[in-house]
Structures are given as structure tokens and as C-alpha cells.
């Protein structure tokens, strides 16, 4: 199919056979295509990542109700990342074979189920169950959504792939914090609102035109496979360390950001606590848009530089005990997060063939969620059993700088060999 079908065409008519009518009788069903379909898919990423970030401002509420420590907080955060990884490894390539729409519809139904589990959770086990189900559905959807956006338009699809996660994560944390502060039943209402949004979006997915033809190998694709097409292998090896580093930063803010803000400000205001993640992701989205026309390699280098500078400023803020410097460092780090993630997506995914894109994008998310989950859980254990919250953040930040410099070395080596 045409790789850039977002021109003047916004819908298309597909002839669908009515099973209850005579064989010769047909009716036309309008299908979303082009830019409307691209915007719908991008909005799905926003909703899914908003749902994943919604518990962040609520962790303090959950901890107060059920009496758990930062270790439990990071474990709840980490189990979501593990579930996403498991889903990406097993279901990430499925939409390349059965189509984007079927995978998305099932994933959205499971995501809706996870939101219902959140609303009925009565303790830590319920929270773990909700995060696991949520992670499985998000992992299944991310590869199909990302590949679908690039199927529609390579350039805009790659940009939407990079911008949407930050928009979703930031908005989810902010809206959840506002719900805790100003609305009744915050541990229920935010999830019910997200559930309503998903229902509307699922209706749009049902009306969307499929972007790939079905092919054999669906069952085989369920076996975890980390092999990468030779055509994108050098780019993937260059991008992977950067993706790991920037998502490790996101993991720190997602798991311990509100607690760090509370430690620096002395305020338990959940809106202020969630603001750290919102500032990070807002700066990420701004950097993605600002660098949208730059070369992918340049964007990656910018991401590494901003990540190192931002984390260094954040470490200074922890020493000075300055909330203002902390948020300044967060904004600079967010620019590194956004540009590093965008550069990785743009360097790798557009080079893959149509029936390889979901698998390639899923593998990039595997690297990203490994970076987000494992270091964050380690930081939680260190905070409780070692250096304390601020001390753990210092060690984490120093490790991030080392990791970013290693990523820089790998990227420069790949550019020299290319």
C-alpha cells in the first residue's frame, strides 16, 4: 500500500458483505484512513500511557491506606514494566500477521479490564494485579499502534510515535494529581474517566481501515524472538543504549519523583509531587517538536548531552536542597528524554519493511521498559535499605550520567563505522 496515504483522502469506503443478505447484496462501511486514523492511533498512545501514569500521584494515598514503603511503590511500578516486556516479547509482532485492528481491539478490552481492577482494589495484591493486566495490554498495543502510524505516514508517524508517550505520561500524572486534590473518590474517578475515553477510542478503531494484509506465521510470532532484520541492526545497536538511559530517567521520576519533591519541599501536595513527572514529559514533548526536522543522529546526540546536563543539575539541586533547581534540572533532563527517544525511533523504525515494523518497534520498547523498570526497583531497595531516598537518587543520577556517556561512545562508534 502507499506509505503516505494521509493526503487529501481522509476516509475510504470499503465494501463489506452483509452475512444476513443475499450474496449479491453489499453495503458500504466508512473507514477511517489518512490523518484521522493517524490522530486516533496517536490518541491511543496518549490514553494508554496516561493510564499507566495515573497511579503515580496516588501512590502516597495507597501507601497511607495500606501501609507500604517506597520498596513496594517501586515494585508496583516495576511489575508493570515486566508485564509490558512480556507482552512485547510475545505479542509485539502479532499485528504484522493478523492486522493492527484485531490486536488493538483486544488490547483495549483488556486495558478496560485493568482500569476496573484499579477501581475495586482493596490492597496491595489488587494493585499488583491491576498493574500486571495493564502492562500486558499496553505492551500488546504499543507495537501495533506505532507500526500503524508509520504505515500511514513515515514522517508524521515517527514524530507521533516519539511525542505521544510523553504527552500521555505527563497528562496522566497531572490529571490524577488534580483528581486527588479537588475531586471525590480519586482512586476511582480517574480510572472511570479513562475507561470512558477508551470506549470511544475503541469505536474509532473498529471503524479504522486496516493498514496491513494478513499473512501466515501468527502462531510462530508468539514465540519470543529478539532477532532483528539485518537492514536495521546497526541503527538499533546505536539507539538501544540511548533508549535505555533516557527511560531509566523516566523510571526514576515515575516511581520516586513525588517522594523526592516532598523531601525537597516538605509539602505532601500530590499536585506538586506529580508535577515533577509532568515537567519532565512536557519538556520532552517540546524538544521532540523543536527537533522534528533535525537528522536522527543529531537528535540522539542532543538527547545525550541534555540528559547528562539535566541530571547534573538535578544532583546539584539535591545537594542544595533547592526545589527550584530541581525542577530546572528536571526540565533539562526532560529535553534529553524526548530527543533521545525521538532520535532512536527515527533512526531505526522507518528503515524496517512494513511486515517488520511492529516487531522492530516492540523491540525498541523492550529496551525502553528494561531501562524504566529494573533501575527504578533497584533505587527503591537502595532508598529503604541503604542510602535513603535522596542518597539513592544521587547514586541513580550518577549511574545515569555514566550510562549516557557509554551510550555516546556507542553512537559515535556506529557513526564512524557507517
Protein backbone atom coordinates (compact mmCIF):
# COMPACT_ATOMS: atom_id res chain seq x y z
CA UNK A 1 0.00 0.00 0.00
CA UNK A 2 1.01 3.63 -0.31
CA UNK A 3 3.29 4.58 2.63
CA UNK A 4 1.96 8.14 2.72
CA UNK A 5 -1.78 7.89 2.46
CA UNK A 6 -2.54 10.98 4.56
CA UNK A 7 -3.05 13.35 1.64
CA UNK A 8 -6.44 14.74 0.71
CA UNK A 9 -8.08 11.41 1.42
CA UNK A 10 -9.44 11.26 4.95
CA UNK A 11 -11.86 8.34 4.67
CA UNK A 12 -12.40 5.49 2.30
CA UNK A 13 -15.35 3.26 1.51
CA UNK A 14 -14.82 -0.48 1.93
CA UNK A 15 -17.41 -2.89 0.54
CA UNK A 16 -18.35 -5.35 3.27
CA UNK A 17 -20.54 -8.36 2.64
CA UNK A 18 -23.68 -8.50 4.78
CA UNK A 19 -23.92 -12.10 6.13
CA UNK A 20 -27.70 -11.79 6.51
CA UNK A 21 -28.39 -10.57 3.00
CA UNK A 22 -28.23 -12.32 -0.38
CA UNK A 23 -24.70 -12.86 -1.65
CA UNK A 24 -25.06 -10.16 -4.30
CA UNK A 25 -26.21 -7.53 -1.85
CA UNK A 26 -23.45 -5.31 -0.46
CA UNK A 27 -23.27 -2.18 1.65
CA UNK A 28 -20.52 0.38 2.16
CA UNK A 29 -18.91 0.94 5.56
CA UNK A 30 -16.93 4.16 6.08
CA UNK A 31 -13.39 3.53 7.23
CA UNK A 32 -11.04 5.96 8.94
CA UNK A 33 -7.84 6.45 6.96
CA UNK A 34 -5.09 9.02 6.48
CA UNK A 35 -4.67 11.75 9.08
CA UNK A 36 -7.84 10.96 11.10
CA UNK A 37 -6.58 7.41 11.59
CA UNK A 38 -3.11 8.70 12.48
CA UNK A 39 -4.55 11.07 15.09
CA UNK A 40 -6.72 8.30 16.52
CA UNK A 41 -3.73 5.98 16.91
CA UNK A 42 -1.66 8.75 18.50
CA UNK A 43 -4.50 9.45 20.93
CA UNK A 44 -4.47 5.77 21.89
CA UNK A 45 -0.84 6.01 22.95
CA UNK A 46 -1.71 9.12 24.97
CA UNK A 47 -4.58 7.32 26.72
CA UNK A 48 -2.63 4.14 27.42
CA UNK A 49 0.38 5.97 28.83
CA UNK A 50 -1.90 8.34 30.76
CA UNK A 51 -3.49 5.28 32.34
CA UNK A 52 -0.05 3.88 33.19
CA UNK A 53 0.99 7.19 34.84
CA UNK A 54 -2.30 7.78 36.67
CA UNK A 55 -1.28 5.72 39.75
CA UNK A 56 1.90 7.80 40.29
CA UNK A 57 0.29 10.65 42.32
CA UNK A 58 -1.90 8.07 44.05
CA UNK A 59 0.97 6.00 45.49
CA UNK A 60 1.10 8.23 48.59
CA UNK A 61 -2.64 7.68 49.10
CA UNK A 62 -2.29 3.94 48.64
CA UNK A 63 0.72 3.83 50.98
CA UNK A 64 -1.19 5.73 53.65
CA UNK A 65 -4.18 3.42 53.38
CA UNK A 66 -2.30 0.14 53.19
CA UNK A 67 0.96 0.99 54.96
CA UNK A 68 3.70 0.17 52.46
CA UNK A 69 7.20 1.60 51.87
CA UNK A 70 8.96 3.01 48.78
CA UNK A 71 10.15 -0.55 48.03
CA UNK A 72 6.54 -1.59 47.42
CA UNK A 73 5.99 1.53 45.32
CA UNK A 74 8.89 0.68 43.03
CA UNK A 75 7.84 -2.99 42.92
CA UNK A 76 4.35 -1.99 41.80
CA UNK A 77 5.98 0.26 39.23
CA UNK A 78 8.44 -2.47 38.20
CA UNK A 79 5.87 -5.23 37.80
CA UNK A 80 4.08 -3.07 35.23
CA UNK A 81 7.32 -2.76 33.25
CA UNK A 82 7.87 -6.54 33.45
CA UNK A 83 4.33 -7.18 32.19
CA UNK A 84 4.86 -4.77 29.30
CA UNK A 85 8.11 -6.54 28.44
CA UNK A 86 6.47 -9.97 28.49
CA UNK A 87 3.69 -8.73 26.26
CA UNK A 88 6.05 -7.01 23.82
CA UNK A 89 8.18 -10.13 23.50
CA UNK A 90 5.23 -12.45 22.85
CA UNK A 91 2.60 -10.24 21.20
CA UNK A 92 4.72 -7.46 19.72
CA UNK A 93 4.87 -8.97 16.22
CA UNK A 94 1.34 -10.38 16.12
CA UNK A 95 -0.22 -7.39 14.34
CA UNK A 96 2.26 -7.83 11.47
CA UNK A 97 0.39 -11.08 10.70
CA UNK A 98 -3.24 -10.71 11.81
CA UNK A 99 -3.60 -6.95 11.31
CA UNK A 100 -3.43 -3.87 13.51
CA UNK A 101 -7.15 -3.58 14.26
CA UNK A 102 -7.79 -7.02 15.83
CA UNK A 103 -4.79 -6.70 18.14
CA UNK A 104 -5.80 -3.20 19.18
CA UNK A 105 -9.42 -4.08 19.91
CA UNK A 106 -8.45 -6.99 22.17
CA UNK A 107 -5.73 -4.93 23.88
CA UNK A 108 -8.17 -2.09 24.58
CA UNK A 109 -10.69 -4.53 26.05
CA UNK A 110 -8.01 -5.90 28.40
CA UNK A 111 -6.91 -2.36 29.29
CA UNK A 112 -10.50 -1.54 30.22
CA UNK A 113 -10.49 -4.59 32.49
CA UNK A 114 -7.34 -3.36 34.24
CA UNK A 115 -8.99 0.01 34.97
CA UNK A 116 -11.91 -1.79 36.57
CA UNK A 117 -9.47 -3.78 38.72
CA UNK A 118 -7.91 -0.49 39.87
CA UNK A 119 -11.31 0.82 40.97
CA UNK A 120 -12.01 -2.30 43.05
CA UNK A 121 -8.51 -2.79 44.51
CA UNK A 122 -8.68 -3.19 48.30
CA UNK A 123 -5.00 -3.72 48.99
CA UNK A 124 -1.54 -4.21 47.54
CA UNK A 125 -2.42 -7.53 45.80
CA UNK A 126 -5.18 -5.76 43.86
CA UNK A 127 -2.76 -3.01 42.89
CA UNK A 128 -0.26 -5.59 41.62
CA UNK A 129 -2.99 -7.40 39.67
CA UNK A 130 -4.17 -4.19 38.03
CA UNK A 131 -0.65 -3.19 37.02
CA UNK A 132 0.09 -6.62 35.55
CA UNK A 133 -3.07 -6.65 33.44
CA UNK A 134 -2.45 -3.05 32.42
CA UNK A 135 1.12 -3.83 31.39
CA UNK A 136 0.10 -6.82 29.29
CA UNK A 137 -2.48 -4.83 27.37
CA UNK A 138 -0.20 -1.81 26.90
CA UNK A 139 2.63 -3.96 25.56
CA UNK A 140 0.33 -5.67 23.08
CA UNK A 141 -1.00 -2.35 21.84
CA UNK A 142 2.21 -0.29 21.58
CA UNK A 143 3.81 -2.21 18.74
CA UNK A 144 0.60 -2.33 16.70
CA UNK A 145 -0.13 1.37 17.24
CA UNK A 146 3.38 2.54 16.44
CA UNK A 147 3.65 0.40 13.33
CA UNK A 148 0.19 1.51 12.22
CA UNK A 149 1.14 5.18 12.44
CA UNK A 150 4.23 4.62 10.31
CA UNK A 151 2.16 2.54 7.86
CA UNK A 152 0.02 5.63 7.33
CA UNK A 153 2.82 8.18 7.11
CA UNK A 154 6.51 7.53 7.75
CA UNK A 155 7.49 11.05 8.75
CA UNK A 156 4.43 12.05 10.77
CA UNK A 157 4.13 8.53 12.18
CA UNK A 158 7.68 8.58 13.52
CA UNK A 159 7.06 12.02 15.07
CA UNK A 160 3.78 10.87 16.63
CA UNK A 161 5.50 7.75 17.99
CA UNK A 162 8.01 9.97 19.75
CA UNK A 163 5.62 12.66 21.04
CA UNK A 164 2.65 10.59 22.19
CA UNK A 165 4.24 8.70 25.14
CA UNK A 166 5.40 11.91 26.79
CA UNK A 167 2.05 13.59 26.27
CA UNK A 168 0.26 10.61 27.79
CA UNK A 169 2.58 10.15 30.75
CA UNK A 170 2.58 13.85 31.64
CA UNK A 171 -1.14 14.36 31.27
CA UNK A 172 -1.97 11.19 33.20
CA UNK A 173 0.17 12.21 36.18
CA UNK A 174 -1.19 15.77 36.17
CA UNK A 175 -4.85 14.83 35.85
CA UNK A 176 -4.52 12.15 38.51
CA UNK A 177 -2.92 14.65 40.89
CA UNK A 178 -5.69 17.17 40.25
CA UNK A 179 -8.29 14.46 40.87
CA UNK A 180 -6.70 13.64 44.23
CA UNK A 181 -6.62 17.31 45.21
CA UNK A 182 -10.02 18.53 44.05
CA UNK A 183 -12.38 15.62 43.29
CA UNK A 184 -14.08 12.97 45.41
CA UNK A 185 -13.09 9.30 45.22
CA UNK A 186 -9.76 9.95 43.43
CA UNK A 187 -8.78 6.28 43.44
CA UNK A 188 -11.91 5.51 41.45
CA UNK A 189 -12.86 8.55 39.39
CA UNK A 190 -9.68 8.93 37.32
CA UNK A 191 -9.86 5.31 36.20
CA UNK A 192 -13.54 5.55 35.28
CA UNK A 193 -12.86 8.65 33.18
CA UNK A 194 -10.04 6.84 31.36
CA UNK A 195 -12.36 3.89 30.83
CA UNK A 196 -14.91 6.13 29.10
CA UNK A 197 -12.19 7.55 26.83
CA UNK A 198 -11.07 4.03 25.86
CA UNK A 199 -14.62 3.04 24.91
CA UNK A 200 -14.86 5.98 22.50
CA UNK A 201 -11.44 5.22 21.03
CA UNK A 202 -12.25 1.54 20.58
CA UNK A 203 -15.25 2.56 18.49
CA UNK A 204 -12.91 4.54 16.28
CA UNK A 205 -10.52 1.59 15.95
CA UNK A 206 -13.40 -0.63 14.85
CA UNK A 207 -14.05 1.86 12.02
CA UNK A 208 -10.41 2.24 11.04
CA UNK A 209 -9.04 0.90 7.78
CA UNK A 210 -6.54 -1.92 8.17
CA UNK A 211 -3.03 -0.96 7.08
CA UNK A 212 -1.51 -4.42 6.52
CA UNK A 213 -2.66 -7.54 4.75
CA UNK A 214 -2.95 -10.73 6.75
CA UNK A 215 -0.09 -13.17 6.42
CA UNK A 216 0.86 -16.58 7.76
CA UNK A 217 3.05 -17.07 10.81
CA UNK A 218 0.81 -15.60 13.53
CA UNK A 219 1.35 -18.50 15.94
CA UNK A 220 5.07 -18.57 15.26
CA UNK A 221 5.27 -14.86 16.02
CA UNK A 222 4.13 -15.52 19.62
CA UNK A 223 7.45 -17.19 20.43
CA UNK A 224 9.83 -14.59 21.91
CA UNK A 225 12.37 -13.64 19.27
CA UNK A 226 14.91 -10.85 19.62
CA UNK A 227 16.37 -11.23 16.16
CA UNK A 228 16.43 -8.04 14.13
CA UNK A 229 16.38 -7.58 10.38
CA UNK A 230 19.90 -7.04 9.07
CA UNK A 231 18.79 -3.80 7.41
CA UNK A 232 18.19 -2.06 10.77
CA UNK A 233 20.68 -3.89 13.01
CA UNK A 234 23.46 -1.24 13.06
CA UNK A 235 20.97 1.54 13.80
CA UNK A 236 19.31 -0.50 16.55
CA UNK A 237 22.64 -1.20 18.26
CA UNK A 238 23.41 2.53 18.20
CA UNK A 239 19.98 3.60 19.50
CA UNK A 240 19.45 0.95 22.19
CA UNK A 241 21.87 2.34 24.85
CA UNK A 242 20.35 5.82 24.48
CA UNK A 243 16.82 4.47 24.83
CA UNK A 244 17.79 2.51 27.94
CA UNK A 245 19.35 5.59 29.52
CA UNK A 246 16.50 8.03 28.85
CA UNK A 247 13.82 5.60 30.00
CA UNK A 248 15.82 4.86 33.16
CA UNK A 249 15.43 8.57 33.86
CA UNK A 250 11.67 8.31 33.27
CA UNK A 251 11.56 5.32 35.62
CA UNK A 252 13.12 7.34 38.44
CA UNK A 253 10.55 10.13 38.09
CA UNK A 254 7.64 7.72 37.64
CA UNK A 255 8.46 5.70 40.75
CA UNK A 256 10.09 8.17 43.15
CA UNK A 257 9.52 11.64 41.67
CA UNK A 258 6.66 12.65 44.02
CA UNK A 259 8.59 11.40 47.06
CA UNK A 260 11.67 13.41 46.02
CA UNK A 261 9.58 16.58 45.62
CA UNK A 262 8.06 16.02 49.04
CA UNK A 263 11.54 15.54 50.56
CA UNK A 264 12.80 18.78 48.99
CA UNK A 265 9.75 20.95 49.65
CA UNK A 266 8.35 19.44 52.82
CA UNK A 267 4.92 19.52 51.15
CA UNK A 268 2.69 16.48 50.73
CA UNK A 269 0.65 18.21 47.98
CA UNK A 270 0.01 15.49 45.38
CA UNK A 271 -0.29 18.02 42.54
CA UNK A 272 3.16 19.39 43.37
CA UNK A 273 4.53 15.86 43.66
CA UNK A 274 3.14 14.78 40.31
CA UNK A 275 4.42 17.99 38.73
CA UNK A 276 7.94 16.53 38.52
CA UNK A 277 6.80 13.89 36.02
CA UNK A 278 4.67 16.43 34.17
CA UNK A 279 7.59 18.88 33.81
CA UNK A 280 9.83 16.05 32.60
CA UNK A 281 7.39 14.92 29.92
CA UNK A 282 6.34 18.45 28.88
CA UNK A 283 9.98 19.30 28.22
CA UNK A 284 10.33 16.01 26.36
CA UNK A 285 7.40 16.80 24.05
CA UNK A 286 8.72 20.33 23.44
CA UNK A 287 12.16 19.02 22.49
CA UNK A 288 10.67 16.43 20.15
CA UNK A 289 8.71 19.09 18.32
CA UNK A 290 11.64 21.52 18.20
CA UNK A 291 13.98 18.89 16.74
CA UNK A 292 11.46 17.23 14.42
CA UNK A 293 13.35 18.27 11.24
CA UNK A 294 16.88 17.56 12.51
CA UNK A 295 18.76 14.44 11.46
CA UNK A 296 18.15 11.42 13.70
CA UNK A 297 21.82 11.13 14.68
CA UNK A 298 21.91 14.81 15.66
CA UNK A 299 18.78 14.36 17.75
CA UNK A 300 20.33 11.40 19.57
CA UNK A 301 23.49 13.37 20.36
CA UNK A 302 21.38 16.27 21.62
CA UNK A 303 19.45 13.88 23.83
CA UNK A 304 22.60 12.51 25.43
CA UNK A 305 24.01 15.98 26.07
CA UNK A 306 20.77 17.26 27.61
CA UNK A 307 20.42 14.12 29.73
CA UNK A 308 23.91 14.50 31.21
CA UNK A 309 23.44 18.24 31.82
CA UNK A 310 19.97 17.83 33.30
CA UNK A 311 20.91 15.04 35.67
CA UNK A 312 23.97 17.00 36.80
CA UNK A 313 21.75 20.00 37.65
CA UNK A 314 19.33 17.70 39.46
CA UNK A 315 22.17 16.24 41.56
CA UNK A 316 23.20 19.79 42.43
CA UNK A 317 19.62 20.51 43.49
CA UNK A 318 19.65 17.53 45.85
CA UNK A 319 22.85 18.86 47.44
CA UNK A 320 21.47 22.40 47.73
CA UNK A 321 18.03 21.09 48.78
CA UNK A 322 16.57 23.51 46.23
CA UNK A 323 13.17 22.73 44.65
CA UNK A 324 13.67 25.44 42.01
CA UNK A 325 16.99 23.99 40.84
CA UNK A 326 15.44 20.50 40.96
CA UNK A 327 12.66 21.49 38.58
CA UNK A 328 15.17 23.25 36.31
CA UNK A 329 17.21 20.06 36.15
CA UNK A 330 14.04 18.11 35.51
CA UNK A 331 13.18 20.30 32.52
CA UNK A 332 16.67 19.92 31.03
CA UNK A 333 16.59 16.17 31.65
CA UNK A 334 13.16 16.04 30.00
CA UNK A 335 14.62 17.58 26.85
CA UNK A 336 17.17 14.78 26.90
CA UNK A 337 14.45 12.18 27.39
CA UNK A 338 12.37 13.46 24.50
CA UNK A 339 15.15 13.98 21.99
CA UNK A 340 16.86 10.71 22.89
CA UNK A 341 13.65 8.75 22.44
CA UNK A 342 12.72 10.55 19.22
CA UNK A 343 16.16 10.03 17.77
CA UNK A 344 16.06 6.31 18.49
CA UNK A 345 12.64 5.85 16.88
CA UNK A 346 13.54 7.87 13.79
CA UNK A 347 16.91 6.19 13.36
CA UNK A 348 15.51 2.66 13.34
CA UNK A 349 11.80 2.14 12.62
CA UNK A 350 11.31 3.90 9.24
CA UNK A 351 14.05 1.68 7.75
CA UNK A 352 12.12 -1.52 8.52
CA UNK A 353 9.81 -3.19 6.00
CA UNK A 354 6.03 -2.98 6.56
CA UNK A 355 5.76 -6.52 7.95
CA UNK A 356 8.73 -5.97 10.27
CA UNK A 357 7.74 -2.65 11.82
CA UNK A 358 5.65 -3.83 14.75
CA UNK A 359 8.36 -6.30 15.73
CA UNK A 360 11.15 -3.71 15.44
CA UNK A 361 9.19 -1.09 17.37
CA UNK A 362 8.29 -3.64 20.03
CA UNK A 363 11.97 -4.47 20.46
CA UNK A 364 12.76 -0.78 20.96
CA UNK A 365 10.07 -0.64 23.63
CA UNK A 366 11.55 -3.76 25.24
CA UNK A 367 14.85 -1.92 25.63
CA UNK A 368 13.00 1.16 26.89
CA UNK A 369 10.97 -0.68 29.51
CA UNK A 370 14.01 -2.61 30.71
CA UNK A 371 15.58 0.78 31.31
CA UNK A 372 12.47 2.06 33.03
CA UNK A 373 11.79 -0.92 35.28
CA UNK A 374 15.00 -2.51 36.55
CA UNK A 375 16.88 0.60 37.77
CA UNK A 376 13.74 2.02 39.41
CA UNK A 377 13.22 -1.12 41.51
CA UNK A 378 16.90 -1.09 42.50
CA UNK A 379 16.54 2.57 43.55
CA UNK A 380 13.58 1.66 45.77
CA UNK A 381 15.56 -1.00 47.62
CA UNK A 382 18.51 1.37 47.99
CA UNK A 383 16.25 4.10 49.34
CA UNK A 384 14.85 1.87 52.08
CA UNK A 385 17.79 -0.37 52.92
CA UNK A 386 20.77 1.80 52.09
CA UNK A 387 21.32 5.45 51.39
CA UNK A 388 17.84 6.84 51.99
CA UNK A 389 15.62 8.50 49.37
CA UNK A 390 17.86 11.45 48.47
CA UNK A 391 21.01 9.34 48.68
CA UNK A 392 19.52 6.72 46.39
CA UNK A 393 18.60 9.45 43.91
CA UNK A 394 22.20 10.68 43.96
CA UNK A 395 23.55 7.22 43.15
CA UNK A 396 20.90 6.78 40.49
CA UNK A 397 21.77 10.11 38.88
CA UNK A 398 25.49 9.34 38.85
CA UNK A 399 24.80 5.95 37.24
CA UNK A 400 22.63 7.67 34.62
CA UNK A 401 25.44 10.01 33.66
CA UNK A 402 27.84 7.07 33.26
CA UNK A 403 25.21 5.20 31.22
CA UNK A 404 24.65 8.22 28.98
CA UNK A 405 28.37 8.57 28.32
CA UNK A 406 28.57 4.88 27.40
CA UNK A 407 25.65 5.43 25.01
CA UNK A 408 27.53 8.37 23.50
CA UNK A 409 30.58 6.18 22.93
CA UNK A 410 28.45 3.51 21.18
CA UNK A 411 26.71 6.09 19.00
CA UNK A 412 29.97 7.75 17.92
CA UNK A 413 31.47 4.35 17.14
CA UNK A 414 28.47 3.44 14.94
CA UNK A 415 28.65 6.77 13.09
CA UNK A 416 32.37 6.27 12.47
CA UNK A 417 31.78 2.78 11.03
CA UNK A 418 28.82 3.81 8.85
